[in-house]
Amino acid sequence: MSTKNIDARLIYFFRRISIPLARFGLFVIFFWFGLLKVIGLSPASELVRSLFEKTIPFVSFDLFIIAFGLFECIIGILFLIKGAERIVIPMLFAHMITTLGPLFLVTEATWNGFLTPTLEGQYIIKNLVIIAAAVVIASHLDPLKRLK
């Protein structure tokens, strides 16, 4: 088998699995991390609390963290459902806006210095890959038909 043939087969294989794999990966991340928040075992809870206290301290944190975790679980589940993309992708982007907040509002927990993120900061910055996966999924949607 030639190198070109192997290359073509690999590319076609990756094209076939790319969207299902992206959907599954997003499901695992959102459902798992959301569930950890719901059951009170999330290692991100203190960072979420720090952001929460600076932005919406008028709500009970215990209620908020469960609701936020459930929101993440729902995002994860919706990524598994073909046809739910137009619902879940805006939800994901709303979630990403909130999760990027600590980089700007809780800098003591997310940065060691200029361009030197803490482990928590790295955890947040990796969300760029999540955004990229959602964009790839969105790019494979068929445009909505125009109403006349």
N, C-alpha and C. Protein backbone atom coordinates (compact mmCIF):
# COMPACT_ATOMS: atom_id res chain seq x y z
N MET A 1 0.85 -1.17 0.00
CA MET A 1 0.00 0.00 0.00
C MET A 1 0.90 1.24 0.00
N SER A 2 0.60 2.21 -0.85
CA SER A 2 1.44 3.40 -0.97
C SER A 2 1.17 4.39 0.16
N THR A 3 2.12 5.28 0.34
CA THR A 3 1.97 6.32 1.36
C THR A 3 0.76 7.19 1.05
N LYS A 4 0.55 7.52 -0.21
CA LYS A 4 -0.60 8.34 -0.61
C LYS A 4 -1.92 7.63 -0.29
N ASN A 5 -1.96 6.33 -0.51
CA ASN A 5 -3.16 5.55 -0.22
C ASN A 5 -3.44 5.52 1.28
N ILE A 6 -2.40 5.30 2.07
CA ILE A 6 -2.55 5.29 3.53
C ILE A 6 -3.01 6.67 4.00
N ASP A 7 -2.39 7.71 3.45
CA ASP A 7 -2.74 9.08 3.81
C ASP A 7 -4.22 9.35 3.51
N ALA A 8 -4.67 8.97 2.32
CA ALA A 8 -6.07 9.20 1.93
C ALA A 8 -7.02 8.42 2.83
N ARG A 9 -6.69 7.17 3.13
CA ARG A 9 -7.56 6.36 3.99
C ARG A 9 -7.66 6.96 5.40
N LEU A 10 -6.53 7.41 5.92
CA LEU A 10 -6.55 8.03 7.25
C LEU A 10 -7.39 9.30 7.25
N ILE A 11 -7.21 10.12 6.23
CA ILE A 11 -7.98 11.37 6.16
C ILE A 11 -9.47 11.07 6.09
N TYR A 12 -9.89 10.15 5.26
CA TYR A 12 -11.31 9.81 5.14
C TYR A 12 -11.84 9.20 6.45
N PHE A 13 -11.02 8.40 7.10
CA PHE A 13 -11.42 7.82 8.39
C PHE A 13 -11.64 8.94 9.42
N PHE A 14 -10.67 9.86 9.51
CA PHE A 14 -10.79 10.95 10.47
C PHE A 14 -11.98 11.86 10.15
N ARG A 15 -12.26 12.05 8.88
CA ARG A 15 -13.43 12.85 8.50
C ARG A 15 -14.72 12.19 8.98
N ARG A 16 -14.79 10.87 8.87
CA ARG A 16 -16.00 10.14 9.29
C ARG A 16 -16.21 10.20 10.79
N ILE A 17 -15.13 10.15 11.55
CA ILE A 17 -15.29 10.10 13.01
C ILE A 17 -15.16 11.46 13.69
N SER A 18 -14.75 12.50 12.98
CA SER A 18 -14.44 13.78 13.63
C SER A 18 -15.62 14.38 14.37
N ILE A 19 -16.78 14.46 13.74
CA ILE A 19 -17.93 15.08 14.39
C ILE A 19 -18.45 14.21 15.54
N PRO A 20 -18.66 12.90 15.33
CA PRO A 20 -19.08 12.08 16.48
C PRO A 20 -18.07 12.12 17.64
N LEU A 21 -16.79 12.14 17.32
CA LEU A 21 -15.77 12.19 18.37
C LEU A 21 -15.81 13.53 19.10
N ALA A 22 -15.98 14.63 18.37
CA ALA A 22 -16.09 15.95 19.00
C ALA A 22 -17.31 16.01 19.90
N ARG A 23 -18.43 15.49 19.42
CA ARG A 23 -19.66 15.47 20.22
C ARG A 23 -19.47 14.66 21.51
N PHE A 24 -18.87 13.48 21.37
CA PHE A 24 -18.66 12.63 22.53
C PHE A 24 -17.69 13.28 23.52
N GLY A 25 -16.62 13.87 23.01
CA GLY A 25 -15.66 14.54 23.88
C GLY A 25 -16.30 15.68 24.66
N LEU A 26 -17.12 16.48 23.98
CA LEU A 26 -17.80 17.58 24.66
C LEU A 26 -18.80 17.05 25.69
N PHE A 27 -19.49 15.97 25.33
CA PHE A 27 -20.40 15.34 26.30
C PHE A 27 -19.65 14.93 27.56
N VAL A 28 -18.54 14.22 27.40
CA VAL A 28 -17.79 13.71 28.56
C VAL A 28 -17.35 14.87 29.44
N ILE A 29 -16.75 15.89 28.84
CA ILE A 29 -16.25 17.02 29.63
C ILE A 29 -17.37 17.71 30.38
N PHE A 30 -18.43 18.08 29.66
CA PHE A 30 -19.50 18.85 30.30
C PHE A 30 -20.30 18.02 31.30
N PHE A 31 -20.65 16.81 30.93
CA PHE A 31 -21.45 16.00 31.84
C PHE A 31 -20.66 15.64 33.10
N TRP A 32 -19.44 15.18 32.92
CA TRP A 32 -18.61 14.76 34.04
C TRP A 32 -18.32 15.92 34.99
N PHE A 33 -17.83 17.03 34.43
CA PHE A 33 -17.48 18.17 35.29
C PHE A 33 -18.73 18.77 35.92
N GLY A 34 -19.85 18.77 35.20
CA GLY A 34 -21.11 19.26 35.76
C GLY A 34 -21.58 18.38 36.90
N LEU A 35 -21.51 17.07 36.69
CA LEU A 35 -21.93 16.13 37.73
C LEU A 35 -21.09 16.31 39.00
N LEU A 36 -19.79 16.53 38.83
CA LEU A 36 -18.94 16.76 40.00
C LEU A 36 -19.40 17.98 40.80
N LYS A 37 -19.86 19.02 40.10
CA LYS A 37 -20.38 20.20 40.80
C LYS A 37 -21.67 19.85 41.54
N VAL A 38 -22.54 19.12 40.89
CA VAL A 38 -23.84 18.77 41.49
C VAL A 38 -23.65 17.96 42.77
N ILE A 39 -22.72 17.03 42.77
CA ILE A 39 -22.53 16.16 43.94
C ILE A 39 -21.50 16.71 44.93
N GLY A 40 -21.00 17.93 44.66
CA GLY A 40 -20.11 18.59 45.61
C GLY A 40 -18.68 18.10 45.61
N LEU A 41 -18.21 17.54 44.51
CA LEU A 41 -16.83 17.02 44.46
C LEU A 41 -15.94 17.73 43.45
N SER A 42 -16.39 18.85 42.91
CA SER A 42 -15.62 19.53 41.87
C SER A 42 -14.40 20.25 42.45
N PRO A 43 -13.22 20.00 41.87
CA PRO A 43 -12.03 20.73 42.31
C PRO A 43 -12.08 22.20 41.88
N ALA A 44 -13.01 22.55 41.00
CA ALA A 44 -13.14 23.93 40.54
C ALA A 44 -14.07 24.76 41.41
N SER A 45 -14.67 24.17 42.42
CA SER A 45 -15.67 24.87 43.22
C SER A 45 -15.15 26.15 43.87
N GLU A 46 -13.94 26.13 44.37
CA GLU A 46 -13.41 27.34 45.03
C GLU A 46 -13.18 28.46 44.03
N LEU A 47 -12.73 28.12 42.83
CA LEU A 47 -12.56 29.13 41.79
C LEU A 47 -13.91 29.68 41.37
N VAL A 48 -14.89 28.81 41.22
CA VAL A 48 -16.25 29.24 40.89
C VAL A 48 -16.79 30.14 42.00
N ARG A 49 -16.54 29.77 43.24
CA ARG A 49 -16.99 30.58 44.38
C ARG A 49 -16.35 31.97 44.34
N SER A 50 -15.06 32.04 44.04
CA SER A 50 -14.37 33.34 43.98
C SER A 50 -14.99 34.24 42.92
N LEU A 51 -15.25 33.68 41.75
CA LEU A 51 -15.89 34.46 40.69
C LEU A 51 -17.30 34.84 41.09
N PHE A 52 -18.02 33.89 41.65
CA PHE A 52 -19.40 34.09 42.08
C PHE A 52 -19.50 35.26 43.06
N GLU A 53 -18.61 35.29 44.04
CA GLU A 53 -18.64 36.34 45.06
C GLU A 53 -18.38 37.73 44.47
N LYS A 54 -17.66 37.79 43.35
CA LYS A 54 -17.38 39.08 42.71
C LYS A 54 -18.46 39.50 41.72
N THR A 55 -19.35 38.58 41.36
CA THR A 55 -20.31 38.90 40.31
C THR A 55 -21.77 38.80 40.73
N ILE A 56 -22.16 37.75 41.42
CA ILE A 56 -23.57 37.59 41.80
C ILE A 56 -23.71 37.10 43.24
N PRO A 57 -23.21 37.87 44.20
CA PRO A 57 -23.25 37.42 45.60
C PRO A 57 -24.64 37.44 46.23
N PHE A 58 -25.62 37.93 45.52
CA PHE A 58 -26.98 38.03 46.08
C PHE A 58 -27.77 36.74 45.94
N VAL A 59 -27.17 35.70 45.36
CA VAL A 59 -27.80 34.39 45.21
C VAL A 59 -27.04 33.41 46.10
N SER A 60 -27.70 32.39 46.59
CA SER A 60 -27.05 31.36 47.39
C SER A 60 -26.04 30.58 46.53
N PHE A 61 -24.80 30.51 46.99
CA PHE A 61 -23.78 29.79 46.22
C PHE A 61 -24.12 28.31 46.11
N ASP A 62 -24.64 27.71 47.17
CA ASP A 62 -24.98 26.29 47.14
C ASP A 62 -26.01 25.99 46.05
N LEU A 63 -26.99 26.86 45.92
CA LEU A 63 -27.99 26.70 44.86
C LEU A 63 -27.36 26.95 43.49
N PHE A 64 -26.53 27.99 43.40
CA PHE A 64 -25.90 28.34 42.13
C PHE A 64 -25.02 27.21 41.60
N ILE A 65 -24.18 26.63 42.44
CA ILE A 65 -23.23 25.61 41.98
C ILE A 65 -23.97 24.37 41.47
N ILE A 66 -25.08 24.03 42.10
CA ILE A 66 -25.88 22.89 41.62
C ILE A 66 -26.52 23.23 40.28
N ALA A 67 -27.09 24.44 40.18
CA ALA A 67 -27.72 24.86 38.93
C ALA A 67 -26.69 24.94 37.80
N PHE A 68 -25.50 25.46 38.12
CA PHE A 68 -24.43 25.57 37.12
C PHE A 68 -23.99 24.17 36.68
N GLY A 69 -23.86 23.26 37.62
CA GLY A 69 -23.50 21.88 37.29
C GLY A 69 -24.55 21.21 36.43
N LEU A 70 -25.82 21.42 36.75
CA LEU A 70 -26.91 20.86 35.93
C LEU A 70 -26.90 21.45 34.52
N PHE A 71 -26.62 22.75 34.44
CA PHE A 71 -26.50 23.42 33.14
C PHE A 71 -25.40 22.74 32.31
N GLU A 72 -24.27 22.46 32.94
CA GLU A 72 -23.18 21.77 32.24
C GLU A 72 -23.61 20.37 31.81
N CYS A 73 -24.30 19.65 32.67
CA CYS A 73 -24.78 18.31 32.31
C CYS A 73 -25.71 18.36 31.10
N ILE A 74 -26.60 19.35 31.09
CA ILE A 74 -27.53 19.50 29.96
C ILE A 74 -26.77 19.81 28.68
N ILE A 75 -25.77 20.67 28.76
CA ILE A 75 -24.94 20.96 27.58
C ILE A 75 -24.33 19.66 27.08
N GLY A 76 -23.76 18.86 27.98
CA GLY A 76 -23.15 17.60 27.58
C GLY A 76 -24.13 16.68 26.89
N ILE A 77 -25.31 16.52 27.47
CA ILE A 77 -26.32 15.63 26.89
C ILE A 77 -26.75 16.13 25.52
N LEU A 78 -26.97 17.44 25.40
CA LEU A 78 -27.43 17.99 24.11
C LEU A 78 -26.40 17.80 22.99
N PHE A 79 -25.12 17.76 23.34
CA PHE A 79 -24.12 17.51 22.30
C PHE A 79 -24.23 16.10 21.71
N LEU A 80 -24.85 15.20 22.42
CA LEU A 80 -25.05 13.84 21.90
C LEU A 80 -26.25 13.75 20.96
N ILE A 81 -27.11 14.75 20.98
CA ILE A 81 -28.36 14.69 20.21
C ILE A 81 -28.21 15.44 18.90
N LYS A 82 -28.20 14.69 17.82
CA LYS A 82 -28.13 15.31 16.50
C LYS A 82 -29.39 16.12 16.29
N GLY A 83 -29.24 17.35 15.86
CA GLY A 83 -30.36 18.25 15.67
C GLY A 83 -30.47 19.28 16.80
N ALA A 84 -29.74 19.08 17.89
CA ALA A 84 -29.80 20.02 19.02
C ALA A 84 -28.69 21.07 18.96
N GLU A 85 -27.94 21.08 17.88
CA GLU A 85 -26.77 21.97 17.78
C GLU A 85 -27.15 23.44 17.92
N ARG A 86 -28.26 23.83 17.31
CA ARG A 86 -28.64 25.25 17.34
C ARG A 86 -29.09 25.69 18.73
N ILE A 87 -29.37 24.74 19.59
CA ILE A 87 -29.71 25.04 20.98
C ILE A 87 -28.44 25.01 21.84
N VAL A 88 -27.65 23.96 21.68
CA VAL A 88 -26.53 23.74 22.59
C VAL A 88 -25.34 24.65 22.32
N ILE A 89 -25.09 25.00 21.08
CA ILE A 89 -23.91 25.84 20.81
C ILE A 89 -24.05 27.23 21.43
N PRO A 90 -25.21 27.89 21.34
CA PRO A 90 -25.33 29.16 22.08
C PRO A 90 -25.21 28.96 23.60
N MET A 91 -25.72 27.84 24.11
CA MET A 91 -25.57 27.56 25.54
C MET A 91 -24.09 27.42 25.89
N LEU A 92 -23.34 26.74 25.03
CA LEU A 92 -21.91 26.55 25.27
C LEU A 92 -21.20 27.90 25.27
N PHE A 93 -21.53 28.77 24.32
CA PHE A 93 -20.86 30.07 24.27
C PHE A 93 -21.20 30.93 25.48
N ALA A 94 -22.44 30.87 25.96
CA ALA A 94 -22.80 31.57 27.19
C ALA A 94 -21.98 31.02 28.36
N HIS A 95 -21.84 29.71 28.40
CA HIS A 95 -21.03 29.06 29.45
C HIS A 95 -19.58 29.49 29.35
N MET A 96 -19.04 29.55 28.14
CA MET A 96 -17.65 29.94 27.96
C MET A 96 -17.40 31.37 28.43
N ILE A 97 -18.35 32.26 28.19
CA ILE A 97 -18.19 33.64 28.65
C ILE A 97 -18.05 33.67 30.17
N THR A 98 -18.88 32.90 30.85
CA THR A 98 -18.82 32.89 32.31
C THR A 98 -17.54 32.21 32.81
N THR A 99 -17.11 31.16 32.13
CA THR A 99 -15.93 30.45 32.63
C THR A 99 -14.62 31.17 32.30
N LEU A 100 -14.66 32.09 31.35
CA LEU A 100 -13.45 32.89 31.09
C LEU A 100 -13.30 34.01 32.11
N GLY A 101 -14.37 34.31 32.84
CA GLY A 101 -14.36 35.40 33.81
C GLY A 101 -13.20 35.40 34.79
N PRO A 102 -12.85 34.27 35.39
CA PRO A 102 -11.76 34.29 36.36
C PRO A 102 -10.42 34.79 35.80
N LEU A 103 -10.20 34.64 34.51
CA LEU A 103 -8.95 35.14 33.94
C LEU A 103 -8.82 36.65 34.11
N PHE A 104 -9.97 37.33 34.21
CA PHE A 104 -9.99 38.79 34.32
C PHE A 104 -10.44 39.29 35.69
N LEU A 105 -11.24 38.49 36.38
CA LEU A 105 -11.82 38.94 37.65
C LEU A 105 -11.22 38.27 38.89
N VAL A 106 -10.58 37.14 38.71
CA VAL A 106 -9.97 36.43 39.84
C VAL A 106 -8.51 36.15 39.45
N THR A 107 -7.81 37.20 39.10
CA THR A 107 -6.46 37.06 38.55
C THR A 107 -5.48 36.43 39.54
N GLU A 108 -5.69 36.65 40.82
CA GLU A 108 -4.78 36.07 41.82
C GLU A 108 -4.82 34.54 41.80
N ALA A 109 -5.92 33.97 41.33
CA ALA A 109 -6.05 32.51 41.28
C ALA A 109 -5.70 31.95 39.90
N THR A 110 -5.64 32.81 38.89
CA THR A 110 -5.46 32.29 37.52
C THR A 110 -4.13 32.68 36.87
N TRP A 111 -3.40 33.60 37.47
CA TRP A 111 -2.12 34.02 36.88
C TRP A 111 -1.03 34.08 37.94
N ASN A 112 0.14 33.51 37.60
CA ASN A 112 1.33 33.66 38.45
C ASN A 112 2.10 34.92 38.08
N GLY A 113 1.94 35.36 36.85
CA GLY A 113 2.63 36.54 36.34
C GLY A 113 2.20 36.75 34.90
N PHE A 114 2.82 37.71 34.23
CA PHE A 114 2.48 38.03 32.85
C PHE A 114 2.63 36.80 31.95
N LEU A 115 1.53 36.40 31.31
CA LEU A 115 1.48 35.24 30.41
C LEU A 115 1.89 33.93 31.08
N THR A 116 1.78 33.87 32.40
CA THR A 116 2.12 32.67 33.14
C THR A 116 0.92 32.24 33.98
N PRO A 117 0.05 31.41 33.38
CA PRO A 117 -1.16 31.01 34.12
C PRO A 117 -0.84 29.99 35.21
N THR A 118 -1.67 30.03 36.23
CA THR A 118 -1.64 28.98 37.26
C THR A 118 -2.27 27.73 36.64
N LEU A 119 -2.30 26.67 37.41
CA LEU A 119 -2.97 25.46 36.93
C LEU A 119 -4.44 25.76 36.63
N GLU A 120 -5.08 26.56 37.49
CA GLU A 120 -6.47 26.95 37.24
C GLU A 120 -6.60 27.76 35.96
N GLY A 121 -5.65 28.67 35.74
CA GLY A 121 -5.65 29.47 34.52
C GLY A 121 -5.50 28.60 33.28
N GLN A 122 -4.62 27.61 33.36
CA GLN A 122 -4.46 26.68 32.23
C GLN A 122 -5.74 25.92 31.98
N TYR A 123 -6.40 25.53 33.04
CA TYR A 123 -7.68 24.81 32.97
C TYR A 123 -8.70 25.64 32.19
N ILE A 124 -8.69 26.95 32.43
CA ILE A 124 -9.63 27.84 31.75
C ILE A 124 -9.21 28.07 30.30
N ILE A 125 -7.93 28.31 30.08
CA ILE A 125 -7.44 28.60 28.73
C ILE A 125 -7.69 27.43 27.79
N LYS A 126 -7.67 26.21 28.30
CA LYS A 126 -7.93 25.04 27.45
C LYS A 126 -9.34 25.07 26.87
N ASN A 127 -10.19 25.94 27.40
CA ASN A 127 -11.53 26.07 26.85
C ASN A 127 -11.52 26.55 25.40
N LEU A 128 -10.42 27.12 24.95
CA LEU A 128 -10.30 27.48 23.54
C LEU A 128 -10.46 26.24 22.65
N VAL A 129 -10.00 25.10 23.12
CA VAL A 129 -10.16 23.86 22.36
C VAL A 129 -11.63 23.44 22.34
N ILE A 130 -12.33 23.65 23.44
CA ILE A 130 -13.77 23.36 23.49
C ILE A 130 -14.51 24.25 22.49
N ILE A 131 -14.16 25.52 22.47
CA ILE A 131 -14.78 26.45 21.52
C ILE A 131 -14.50 26.00 20.09
N ALA A 132 -13.27 25.60 19.82
CA ALA A 132 -12.91 25.14 18.47
C ALA A 132 -13.72 23.91 18.08
N ALA A 133 -13.90 22.97 18.99
CA ALA A 133 -14.69 21.77 18.69
C ALA A 133 -16.13 22.14 18.39
N ALA A 134 -16.70 23.08 19.14
CA ALA A 134 -18.07 23.51 18.89
C ALA A 134 -18.18 24.21 17.53
N VAL A 135 -17.18 24.99 17.17
CA VAL A 135 -17.18 25.66 15.87
C VAL A 135 -17.12 24.63 14.75
N VAL A 136 -16.32 23.60 14.91
CA VAL A 136 -16.24 22.53 13.91
C VAL A 136 -17.60 21.86 13.75
N ILE A 137 -18.25 21.56 14.85
CA ILE A 137 -19.58 20.94 14.78
C ILE A 137 -20.54 21.89 14.07
N ALA A 138 -20.53 23.16 14.44
CA ALA A 138 -21.42 24.15 13.81
C ALA A 138 -21.15 24.29 12.32
N SER A 139 -19.90 24.16 11.93
CA SER A 139 -19.55 24.34 10.52
C SER A 139 -20.09 23.22 9.64
N HIS A 140 -20.52 22.13 10.24
CA HIS A 140 -21.08 21.02 9.48
C HIS A 140 -22.60 21.01 9.44
N LEU A 141 -23.22 22.05 9.99
CA LEU A 141 -24.67 22.15 9.93
C LEU A 141 -25.10 22.64 8.55
N ASP A 142 -26.28 22.24 8.14
CA ASP A 142 -26.87 22.79 6.94
C ASP A 142 -27.55 24.11 7.29
N PRO A 143 -27.37 25.13 6.45
CA PRO A 143 -28.03 26.41 6.74
C PRO A 143 -29.55 26.24 6.78
N LEU A 144 -30.20 27.05 7.62
CA LEU A 144 -31.64 27.03 7.67
C LEU A 144 -32.20 27.55 6.33
N LYS A 145 -33.31 27.02 5.92
CA LYS A 145 -33.93 27.48 4.68
C LYS A 145 -34.62 28.81 4.95
N ARG A 146 -34.60 29.67 3.96
CA ARG A 146 -35.26 30.97 4.07
C ARG A 146 -36.77 30.82 3.99
N LEU A 147 -37.46 31.58 4.81
CA LEU A 147 -38.91 31.63 4.72
C LEU A 147 -39.30 32.68 3.69
N LYS A 148 -40.29 32.37 2.86
CA LYS A 148 -40.70 33.34 1.84
C LYS A 148 -41.88 34.13 2.26
